[in-house]
Amino acid sequence: MLLAGCDIGSLTAKAVLLDLDTGKIISQGILPVRPTAVESSFAIMNTVLSRVGLSPDDIDCLCSTGYGRLEIPFADMHISEISCHGRGAHWLDMSIRTVVDIGGQDCKIISIDKTGFINDFIMNDKCAAGTGRSLEMLSATIGVPLGDLGRLSLKSRKPVPISNKCSIFMELEVLDAMYRKKKLKNIAHGLTDAVAKRVASLAKAVPVRESVCITGGVAKNMGVVRQLEKYMDIHFKILPVDSQLIGAIGAALFAGDTYTKKGVPSEAKC
C-alpha cells in the first residue's frame, strides 16, 4: 500500500511516499515553494514520484498538511501540521514526548502522548520573530546566506545583544551593529541567540517532557539549536531523517490510518 504526505509550508514544499507494507519511506523531497500552493503541490509530488518511477495513480491515499493543505486539489484528506509533526516525530522515535517545530512563519511547542497524539500545544501566531522568515530576513540584512548563519554564529564568543522581540526592530538593531563595525560572526550569534530566547520563552507555556526533538527548517541552524538547548536546559534527540520532512511523514501516517480503517480514502480534518 502506497501512502503519501504532502506538506506545503510558507517557504518550502515537502513530500514523502511511504510503503505501509514495509514501513519504509521510498521517496522524499523538499523544494522551495512556487507562487501558489497548487503549483507547489504538483511540483513536489511530481518530484518524489519521478524518483521512483511511479505515477499519481499508484498512490492509495494522500494526506495534505501545512499552510497550503486546503488548496491541494488531489489530496484525499487534510490534517493540521501540529498533529502531523507530533505523529511523524513519534513514529521515528517512540520516546519523543515534546516537539519543538520552528518553521517559516511560526514556531510551535507540541506535547504528545505515548501514541504520538497531541496533549497540548502553543504557537506564536502574532509575530514572525523566532521563525525561519525572521532569520531569512536578518541574514540577508548582514549579507550572509541563510544556510551559513548558524555555522558563522558558532565561531563567536561575544554575541551582539539583540533585545527587541519584533523582527522590524531587530533589523534596526542589526543595522546599527553593522554601522558600529561589529564582527559578522558576533552579529550572527546575537541573531541566533535572540531567536532561541523567543522560542524558549514560548516553551514555558507548555510542560516540556523528555524526550524532546526539534523539527522544521530552523532545526538545521546549529546556532539556534545550541542556544535553545542552553535556555531550555535540554538536549534534543536527533531524528533519522531531514527535520523538514517530519510533517509530511505524519501526514502519510494519518493517510494510512484512514485508508486501513475505511478501506477507501475518506475526508478527515483536524
C-alpha atoms as a PDB file:
ATOM      1  CA  MET A   1       0.000   0.000   0.000  1.00  0.00           C
ATOM      2  CA  LEU A   2       1.465   3.344  -1.062  1.00  0.00           C
ATOM      3  CA  LEU A   3       0.727   6.378   1.101  1.00  0.00           C
ATOM      4  CA  ALA A   4       1.745   9.976   0.567  1.00  0.00           C
ATOM      5  CA  GLY A   5       2.128  13.017   2.779  1.00  0.00           C
ATOM      6  CA  CYS A   6       2.363  16.467   1.200  1.00  0.00           C
ATOM      7  CA  ASP A   7       3.341  19.426   3.392  1.00  0.00           C
ATOM      8  CA  ILE A   8       3.046  22.870   1.813  1.00  0.00           C
ATOM      9  CA  GLY A   9       4.616  25.454   4.093  1.00  0.00           C
ATOM     10  CA  SER A  10       5.364  29.153   3.750  1.00  0.00           C
ATOM     11  CA  LEU A  11       8.920  28.668   2.446  1.00  0.00           C
ATOM     12  CA  THR A  12       9.204  25.044   1.324  1.00  0.00           C
ATOM     13  CA  ALA A  13       7.100  22.198  -0.047  1.00  0.00           C
ATOM     14  CA  LYS A  14       7.830  18.719   1.287  1.00  0.00           C
ATOM     15  CA  ALA A  15       6.518  15.255   0.418  1.00  0.00           C
ATOM     16  CA  VAL A  16       7.165  11.613   1.247  1.00  0.00           C
ATOM     17  CA  LEU A  17       5.987   8.306  -0.173  1.00  0.00           C
ATOM     18  CA  LEU A  18       5.523   5.615   2.467  1.00  0.00           C
ATOM     19  CA  ASP A  19       5.160   1.899   1.774  1.00  0.00           C
ATOM     20  CA  LEU A  20       2.783   0.813   4.518  1.00  0.00           C
ATOM     21  CA  ASP A  21       3.545  -2.885   3.987  1.00  0.00           C
ATOM     22  CA  THR A  22       7.256  -2.461   4.707  1.00  0.00           C
ATOM     23  CA  GLY A  23       7.026   0.630   6.900  1.00  0.00           C
ATOM     24  CA  LYS A  24       9.694   2.340   4.815  1.00  0.00           C
ATOM     25  CA  ILE A  25       9.914   5.736   3.155  1.00  0.00           C
ATOM     26  CA  ILE A  26      10.590   5.002  -0.515  1.00  0.00           C
ATOM     27  CA  SER A  27      10.879   8.581  -1.768  1.00  0.00           C
ATOM     28  CA  GLN A  28      11.116  12.063  -0.328  1.00  0.00           C
ATOM     29  CA  GLY A  29      11.694  15.617  -1.463  1.00  0.00           C
ATOM     30  CA  ILE A  30      11.959  19.272  -0.450  1.00  0.00           C
ATOM     31  CA  LEU A  31      11.529  22.218  -2.824  1.00  0.00           C
ATOM     32  CA  PRO A  32      11.184  25.992  -2.442  1.00  0.00           C
ATOM     33  CA  VAL A  33       7.523  26.971  -2.702  1.00  0.00           C
ATOM     34  CA  ARG A  34       6.082  28.144  -6.005  1.00  0.00           C
ATOM     35  CA  PRO A  35       3.824  31.211  -6.358  1.00  0.00           C
ATOM     36  CA  THR A  36       0.760  29.200  -5.302  1.00  0.00           C
ATOM     37  CA  ALA A  37       0.107  26.198  -3.085  1.00  0.00           C
ATOM     38  CA  VAL A  38      -1.357  24.316  -6.049  1.00  0.00           C
ATOM     39  CA  GLU A  39       1.802  24.807  -8.108  1.00  0.00           C
ATOM     40  CA  SER A  40       3.937  23.828  -5.130  1.00  0.00           C
ATOM     41  CA  SER A  41       1.965  20.645  -4.526  1.00  0.00           C
ATOM     42  CA  PHE A  42       2.203  19.478  -8.145  1.00  0.00           C
ATOM     43  CA  ALA A  43       5.928  20.282  -8.274  1.00  0.00           C
ATOM     44  CA  ILE A  44       6.845  18.368  -5.120  1.00  0.00           C
ATOM     45  CA  MET A  45       4.639  15.354  -5.853  1.00  0.00           C
ATOM     46  CA  ASN A  46       5.974  15.080  -9.409  1.00  0.00           C
ATOM     47  CA  THR A  47       9.483  15.175  -7.955  1.00  0.00           C
ATOM     48  CA  VAL A  48       9.030  12.382  -5.404  1.00  0.00           C
ATOM     49  CA  LEU A  49       7.044  10.175  -7.773  1.00  0.00           C
ATOM     50  CA  SER A  50       9.503  10.513 -10.663  1.00  0.00           C
ATOM     51  CA  ARG A  51      12.392   9.496  -8.403  1.00  0.00           C
ATOM     52  CA  VAL A  52      10.930   6.015  -8.051  1.00  0.00           C
ATOM     53  CA  GLY A  53       9.217   5.746 -11.428  1.00  0.00           C
ATOM     54  CA  LEU A  54       5.652   5.966 -10.101  1.00  0.00           C
ATOM     55  CA  SER A  55       2.573   7.966 -11.077  1.00  0.00           C
ATOM     56  CA  PRO A  56      -0.196   9.626  -9.027  1.00  0.00           C
ATOM     57  CA  ASP A  57      -2.443   6.651  -9.783  1.00  0.00           C
ATOM     58  CA  ASP A  58      -0.116   4.429  -7.738  1.00  0.00           C
ATOM     59  CA  ILE A  59      -0.922   6.324  -4.518  1.00  0.00           C
ATOM     60  CA  ASP A  60      -3.639   4.684  -2.403  1.00  0.00           C
ATOM     61  CA  CYS A  61      -4.191   7.678  -0.119  1.00  0.00           C
ATOM     62  CA  LEU A  62      -2.655  11.139   0.142  1.00  0.00           C
ATOM     63  CA  CYS A  63      -2.943  13.460   3.123  1.00  0.00           C
ATOM     64  CA  SER A  64      -2.025  17.140   2.891  1.00  0.00           C
ATOM     65  CA  THR A  65      -0.779  19.357   5.703  1.00  0.00           C
ATOM     66  CA  GLY A  66       0.798  22.770   6.217  1.00  0.00           C
ATOM     67  CA  TYR A  67      -0.463  26.236   5.373  1.00  0.00           C
ATOM     68  CA  GLY A  68      -1.495  25.197   1.868  1.00  0.00           C
ATOM     69  CA  ARG A  69      -3.201  21.942   2.811  1.00  0.00           C
ATOM     70  CA  LEU A  70      -6.736  23.082   1.918  1.00  0.00           C
ATOM     71  CA  GLU A  71      -5.703  24.129  -1.592  1.00  0.00           C
ATOM     72  CA  ILE A  72      -4.214  20.847  -2.805  1.00  0.00           C
ATOM     73  CA  PRO A  73      -6.706  19.518  -5.382  1.00  0.00           C
ATOM     74  CA  PHE A  74      -5.595  15.878  -5.388  1.00  0.00           C
ATOM     75  CA  ALA A  75      -5.467  15.335  -1.596  1.00  0.00           C
ATOM     76  CA  ASP A  76      -7.808  12.686  -0.178  1.00  0.00           C
ATOM     77  CA  MET A  77      -7.752  14.291   3.281  1.00  0.00           C
ATOM     78  CA  HIS A  78      -6.026  17.010   5.279  1.00  0.00           C
ATOM     79  CA  ILE A  79      -4.650  17.248   8.811  1.00  0.00           C
ATOM     80  CA  SER A  80      -3.081  20.189  10.679  1.00  0.00           C
ATOM     81  CA  GLU A  81       0.695  20.446  10.721  1.00  0.00           C
ATOM     82  CA  ILE A  82       0.597  20.386  14.525  1.00  0.00           C
ATOM     83  CA  SER A  83      -0.876  16.891  14.558  1.00  0.00           C
ATOM     84  CA  CYS A  84       1.394  15.743  11.732  1.00  0.00           C
ATOM     85  CA  HIS A  85       4.641  16.896  13.358  1.00  0.00           C
ATOM     86  CA  GLY A  86       3.723  15.132  16.584  1.00  0.00           C
ATOM     87  CA  ARG A  87       2.759  11.930  14.813  1.00  0.00           C
ATOM     88  CA  GLY A  88       5.755  11.937  12.486  1.00  0.00           C
ATOM     89  CA  ALA A  89       8.290  12.555  15.255  1.00  0.00           C
ATOM     90  CA  HIS A  90       6.811   9.812  17.425  1.00  0.00           C
ATOM     91  CA  TRP A  91       6.845   7.305  14.546  1.00  0.00           C
ATOM     92  CA  LEU A  92      10.559   7.958  14.074  1.00  0.00           C
ATOM     93  CA  ASP A  93      11.337   7.797  17.800  1.00  0.00           C
ATOM     94  CA  MET A  94       8.677   6.462  20.157  1.00  0.00           C
ATOM     95  CA  SER A  95      10.370   8.075  23.179  1.00  0.00           C
ATOM     96  CA  ILE A  96       9.521  11.595  21.932  1.00  0.00           C
ATOM     97  CA  ARG A  97       7.065  13.475  24.141  1.00  0.00           C
ATOM     98  CA  THR A  98       7.743  17.097  23.110  1.00  0.00           C
ATOM     99  CA  VAL A  99       8.269  18.518  19.633  1.00  0.00           C
ATOM    100  CA  VAL A 100       9.724  21.988  19.043  1.00  0.00           C
ATOM    101  CA  ASP A 101       8.766  22.896  15.486  1.00  0.00           C
ATOM    102  CA  ILE A 102      10.283  26.085  14.050  1.00  0.00           C
ATOM    103  CA  GLY A 103       9.037  26.768  10.552  1.00  0.00           C
ATOM    104  CA  GLY A 104       8.969  29.653   8.140  1.00  0.00           C
ATOM    105  CA  GLN A 105       6.085  31.605   9.638  1.00  0.00           C
ATOM    106  CA  ASP A 106       5.638  30.292  13.157  1.00  0.00           C
ATOM    107  CA  CYS A 107       7.086  28.162  15.910  1.00  0.00           C
ATOM    108  CA  LYS A 108       5.173  25.585  17.936  1.00  0.00           C
ATOM    109  CA  ILE A 109       5.783  23.643  21.113  1.00  0.00           C
ATOM    110  CA  ILE A 110       3.841  20.385  20.878  1.00  0.00           C
ATOM    111  CA  SER A 111       3.282  17.960  23.754  1.00  0.00           C
ATOM    112  CA  ILE A 112       2.339  14.438  22.664  1.00  0.00           C
ATOM    113  CA  ASP A 113       1.287  11.263  24.453  1.00  0.00           C
ATOM    114  CA  LYS A 114       2.778   7.791  24.222  1.00  0.00           C
ATOM    115  CA  THR A 115       0.874   7.102  20.994  1.00  0.00           C
ATOM    116  CA  GLY A 116       2.045  10.264  19.239  1.00  0.00           C
ATOM    117  CA  PHE A 117      -1.186  12.225  19.518  1.00  0.00           C
ATOM    118  CA  ILE A 118      -1.423  15.767  20.890  1.00  0.00           C
ATOM    119  CA  ASN A 119      -1.792  16.506  24.593  1.00  0.00           C
ATOM    120  CA  ASP A 120      -1.212  20.250  24.353  1.00  0.00           C
ATOM    121  CA  PHE A 121       0.498  22.854  22.185  1.00  0.00           C
ATOM    122  CA  ILE A 122       1.242  26.546  21.855  1.00  0.00           C
ATOM    123  CA  MET A 123       2.339  28.591  18.867  1.00  0.00           C
ATOM    124  CA  ASN A 124       3.452  32.154  18.177  1.00  0.00           C
ATOM    125  CA  ASP A 125       0.705  33.361  15.877  1.00  0.00           C
ATOM    126  CA  LYS A 126       1.245  37.101  16.324  1.00  0.00           C
ATOM    127  CA  CYS A 127       4.837  37.814  15.294  1.00  0.00           C
ATOM    128  CA  ALA A 128       7.439  36.452  12.889  1.00  0.00           C
ATOM    129  CA  ALA A 129      10.287  36.798  15.401  1.00  0.00           C
ATOM    130  CA  GLY A 130      11.592  33.366  16.303  1.00  0.00           C
ATOM    131  CA  THR A 131      10.808  31.876  12.870  1.00  0.00           C
ATOM    132  CA  GLY A 132      12.578  30.936   9.685  1.00  0.00           C
ATOM    133  CA  ARG A 133      11.228  34.017   7.928  1.00  0.00           C
ATOM    134  CA  SER A 134      12.805  36.246  10.573  1.00  0.00           C
ATOM    135  CA  LEU A 135      16.181  34.549  10.220  1.00  0.00           C
ATOM    136  CA  GLU A 136      15.942  34.720   6.432  1.00  0.00           C
ATOM    137  CA  MET A 137      15.297  38.464   6.518  1.00  0.00           C
ATOM    138  CA  LEU A 138      18.006  39.205   9.075  1.00  0.00           C
ATOM    139  CA  SER A 139      20.650  37.037   7.412  1.00  0.00           C
ATOM    140  CA  ALA A 140      20.000  38.946   4.187  1.00  0.00           C
ATOM    141  CA  THR A 141      20.492  42.193   6.118  1.00  0.00           C
ATOM    142  CA  ILE A 142      24.036  41.206   7.083  1.00  0.00           C
ATOM    143  CA  GLY A 143      24.757  39.634   3.680  1.00  0.00           C
ATOM    144  CA  VAL A 144      25.206  36.063   4.948  1.00  0.00           C
ATOM    145  CA  PRO A 145      23.437  33.135   3.228  1.00  0.00           C
ATOM    146  CA  LEU A 146      20.774  31.678   5.497  1.00  0.00           C
ATOM    147  CA  GLY A 147      22.415  28.245   5.389  1.00  0.00           C
ATOM    148  CA  ASP A 148      25.688  29.711   6.678  1.00  0.00           C
ATOM    149  CA  LEU A 149      24.235  31.786   9.521  1.00  0.00           C
ATOM    150  CA  GLY A 150      24.287  29.035  12.155  1.00  0.00           C
ATOM    151  CA  ARG A 151      27.832  27.908  11.393  1.00  0.00           C
ATOM    152  CA  LEU A 152      29.044  31.500  11.469  1.00  0.00           C
ATOM    153  CA  SER A 153      27.399  32.109  14.853  1.00  0.00           C
ATOM    154  CA  LEU A 154      29.211  29.108  16.355  1.00  0.00           C
ATOM    155  CA  LYS A 155      32.539  30.890  15.770  1.00  0.00           C
ATOM    156  CA  SER A 156      31.578  33.746  18.084  1.00  0.00           C
ATOM    157  CA  ARG A 157      32.184  34.153  21.791  1.00  0.00           C
ATOM    158  CA  LYS A 158      30.842  37.709  22.006  1.00  0.00           C
ATOM    159  CA  PRO A 159      27.264  37.851  20.717  1.00  0.00           C
ATOM    160  CA  VAL A 160      25.891  41.268  19.847  1.00  0.00           C
ATOM    161  CA  PRO A 161      22.826  41.705  22.101  1.00  0.00           C
ATOM    162  CA  ILE A 162      19.555  41.810  20.123  1.00  0.00           C
ATOM    163  CA  SER A 163      16.912  42.859  22.625  1.00  0.00           C
ATOM    164  CA  ASN A 164      13.831  43.596  20.515  1.00  0.00           C
ATOM    165  CA  LYS A 165      11.157  40.945  20.031  1.00  0.00           C
ATOM    166  CA  CYS A 166       9.839  42.420  16.788  1.00  0.00           C
ATOM    167  CA  SER A 167      11.566  41.447  13.529  1.00  0.00           C
ATOM    168  CA  ILE A 168      11.440  45.001  12.186  1.00  0.00           C
ATOM    169  CA  PHE A 169      13.133  46.479  15.258  1.00  0.00           C
ATOM    170  CA  MET A 170      15.561  43.547  15.351  1.00  0.00           C
ATOM    171  CA  GLU A 171      16.643  44.561  11.855  1.00  0.00           C
ATOM    172  CA  LEU A 172      17.251  48.120  13.048  1.00  0.00           C
ATOM    173  CA  GLU A 173      19.473  46.769  15.835  1.00  0.00           C
ATOM    174  CA  VAL A 174      21.379  44.698  13.302  1.00  0.00           C
ATOM    175  CA  LEU A 175      21.886  47.694  11.031  1.00  0.00           C
ATOM    176  CA  ASP A 176      23.162  49.682  14.000  1.00  0.00           C
ATOM    177  CA  ALA A 177      25.612  46.906  14.881  1.00  0.00           C
ATOM    178  CA  MET A 178      26.895  46.885  11.314  1.00  0.00           C
ATOM    179  CA  TYR A 179      27.301  50.667  11.417  1.00  0.00           C
ATOM    180  CA  ARG A 180      29.374  50.248  14.577  1.00  0.00           C
ATOM    181  CA  LYS A 181      31.624  47.765  12.715  1.00  0.00           C
ATOM    182  CA  LYS A 182      30.710  44.751  14.848  1.00  0.00           C
ATOM    183  CA  LYS A 183      32.028  41.456  13.512  1.00  0.00           C
ATOM    184  CA  LEU A 184      29.565  39.466  11.416  1.00  0.00           C
ATOM    185  CA  LYS A 185      30.100  36.335  13.490  1.00  0.00           C
ATOM    186  CA  ASN A 186      29.102  38.229  16.631  1.00  0.00           C
ATOM    187  CA  ILE A 187      26.005  39.667  14.944  1.00  0.00           C
ATOM    188  CA  ALA A 188      25.086  36.179  13.702  1.00  0.00           C
ATOM    189  CA  HIS A 189      25.461  34.860  17.249  1.00  0.00           C
ATOM    190  CA  GLY A 190      23.221  37.641  18.511  1.00  0.00           C
ATOM    191  CA  LEU A 191      20.549  36.752  15.946  1.00  0.00           C
ATOM    192  CA  THR A 192      20.504  33.040  16.715  1.00  0.00           C
ATOM    193  CA  ASP A 193      20.515  33.824  20.419  1.00  0.00           C
ATOM    194  CA  ALA A 194      17.534  36.175  20.077  1.00  0.00           C
ATOM    195  CA  VAL A 195      15.507  33.579  18.155  1.00  0.00           C
ATOM    196  CA  ALA A 196      16.342  30.889  20.705  1.00  0.00           C
ATOM    197  CA  LYS A 197      15.269  33.130  23.585  1.00  0.00           C
ATOM    198  CA  ARG A 198      11.953  33.788  21.838  1.00  0.00           C
ATOM    199  CA  VAL A 199      11.234  30.086  21.369  1.00  0.00           C
ATOM    200  CA  ALA A 200      12.385  29.170  24.884  1.00  0.00           C
ATOM    201  CA  SER A 201      10.053  31.801  26.321  1.00  0.00           C
ATOM    202  CA  LEU A 202       7.155  30.321  24.354  1.00  0.00           C
ATOM    203  CA  ALA A 203       8.011  26.842  25.651  1.00  0.00           C
ATOM    204  CA  LYS A 204       7.335  27.936  29.233  1.00  0.00           C
ATOM    205  CA  ALA A 205       3.589  27.843  28.492  1.00  0.00           C
ATOM    206  CA  VAL A 206       3.593  24.077  27.812  1.00  0.00           C
ATOM    207  CA  PRO A 207       5.038  21.324  30.032  1.00  0.00           C
ATOM    208  CA  VAL A 208       8.194  20.152  28.247  1.00  0.00           C
ATOM    209  CA  ARG A 209       8.630  16.429  28.856  1.00  0.00           C
ATOM    210  CA  GLU A 210      11.520  14.236  27.780  1.00  0.00           C
ATOM    211  CA  SER A 211      12.390  13.195  25.178  1.00  0.00           C
ATOM    212  CA  VAL A 212      12.424  16.364  23.096  1.00  0.00           C
ATOM    213  CA  CYS A 213      13.152  16.804  19.387  1.00  0.00           C
ATOM    214  CA  ILE A 214      13.290  19.811  17.082  1.00  0.00           C
ATOM    215  CA  THR A 215      11.713  19.885  13.618  1.00  0.00           C
ATOM    216  CA  GLY A 216      11.333  22.351  10.775  1.00  0.00           C
ATOM    217  CA  GLY A 217      13.866  24.247   8.718  1.00  0.00           C
ATOM    218  CA  VAL A 218      15.358  26.168  11.642  1.00  0.00           C
ATOM    219  CA  ALA A 219      16.401  22.840  13.192  1.00  0.00           C
ATOM    220  CA  LYS A 220      19.237  22.931  10.632  1.00  0.00           C
ATOM    221  CA  ASN A 221      20.613  26.129  12.173  1.00  0.00           C
ATOM    222  CA  MET A 222      23.084  24.809  14.727  1.00  0.00           C
ATOM    223  CA  GLY A 223      23.468  28.227  16.304  1.00  0.00           C
ATOM    224  CA  VAL A 224      19.784  28.355  17.206  1.00  0.00           C
ATOM    225  CA  VAL A 225      19.830  24.713  18.327  1.00  0.00           C
ATOM    226  CA  ARG A 226      22.825  25.298  20.610  1.00  0.00           C
ATOM    227  CA  GLN A 227      21.272  28.334  22.270  1.00  0.00           C
ATOM    228  CA  LEU A 228      17.854  26.732  22.550  1.00  0.00           C
ATOM    229  CA  GLU A 229      19.296  23.706  24.328  1.00  0.00           C
ATOM    230  CA  LYS A 230      21.021  26.111  26.705  1.00  0.00           C
ATOM    231  CA  TYR A 231      17.916  28.140  27.536  1.00  0.00           C
ATOM    232  CA  MET A 232      15.567  25.153  27.770  1.00  0.00           C
ATOM    233  CA  ASP A 233      18.173  23.089  29.673  1.00  0.00           C
ATOM    234  CA  ILE A 234      17.623  20.068  27.439  1.00  0.00           C
ATOM    235  CA  HIS A 235      19.388  18.065  24.770  1.00  0.00           C
ATOM    236  CA  PHE A 236      17.431  17.450  21.568  1.00  0.00           C
ATOM    237  CA  LYS A 237      17.180  13.901  20.316  1.00  0.00           C
ATOM    238  CA  ILE A 238      18.320  13.575  16.718  1.00  0.00           C
ATOM    239  CA  LEU A 239      15.744  12.109  14.342  1.00  0.00           C
ATOM    240  CA  PRO A 240      16.988   9.870  11.494  1.00  0.00           C
ATOM    241  CA  VAL A 241      15.523  11.977   8.658  1.00  0.00           C
ATOM    242  CA  ASP A 242      15.655  15.564   7.447  1.00  0.00           C
ATOM    243  CA  SER A 243      13.972  17.791  10.040  1.00  0.00           C
ATOM    244  CA  GLN A 244      11.799  19.415   7.374  1.00  0.00           C
ATOM    245  CA  LEU A 245      10.138  16.118   6.417  1.00  0.00           C
ATOM    246  CA  ILE A 246       8.533  15.323   9.784  1.00  0.00           C
ATOM    247  CA  GLY A 247       5.179  16.909   8.957  1.00  0.00           C
ATOM    248  CA  ALA A 248       4.926  15.103   5.619  1.00  0.00           C
ATOM    249  CA  ILE A 249       5.730  11.792   7.333  1.00  0.00           C
ATOM    250  CA  GLY A 250       2.999  12.385   9.893  1.00  0.00           C
ATOM    251  CA  ALA A 251       0.550  13.211   7.096  1.00  0.00           C
ATOM    252  CA  ALA A 252       1.355   9.923   5.342  1.00  0.00           C
ATOM    253  CA  LEU A 253       0.744   8.046   8.597  1.00  0.00           C
ATOM    254  CA  PHE A 254      -2.667   9.693   9.018  1.00  0.00           C
ATOM    255  CA  ALA A 255      -3.449   8.727   5.431  1.00  0.00           C
ATOM    256  CA  GLY A 256      -2.650   5.134   6.374  1.00  0.00           C
ATOM    257  CA  ASP A 257      -4.971   5.279   9.385  1.00  0.00           C
ATOM    258  CA  THR A 258      -7.856   6.474   7.277  1.00  0.00           C
ATOM    259  CA  TYR A 259      -7.263   4.037   4.419  1.00  0.00           C
ATOM    260  CA  THR A 260      -6.892   0.943   6.580  1.00  0.00           C
ATOM    261  CA  LYS A 261      -9.914   1.768   8.747  1.00  0.00           C
ATOM    262  CA  LYS A 262     -12.266   2.630   5.931  1.00  0.00           C
ATOM    263  CA  GLY A 263     -10.882   0.524   3.135  1.00  0.00           C
ATOM    264  CA  VAL A 264     -11.086   3.600   0.908  1.00  0.00           C
ATOM    265  CA  PRO A 265      -9.886   7.174   1.366  1.00  0.00           C
ATOM    266  CA  SER A 266     -12.280   9.445   3.257  1.00  0.00           C
ATOM    267  CA  GLU A 267     -12.220  13.105   4.281  1.00  0.00           C
ATOM    268  CA  ALA A 268     -10.523  13.786   7.602  1.00  0.00           C
ATOM    269  CA  LYS A 269      -9.971  17.126   9.289  1.00  0.00           C
ATOM    270  CA  CYS A 270      -8.089  18.261  12.367  1.00  0.00           C
END
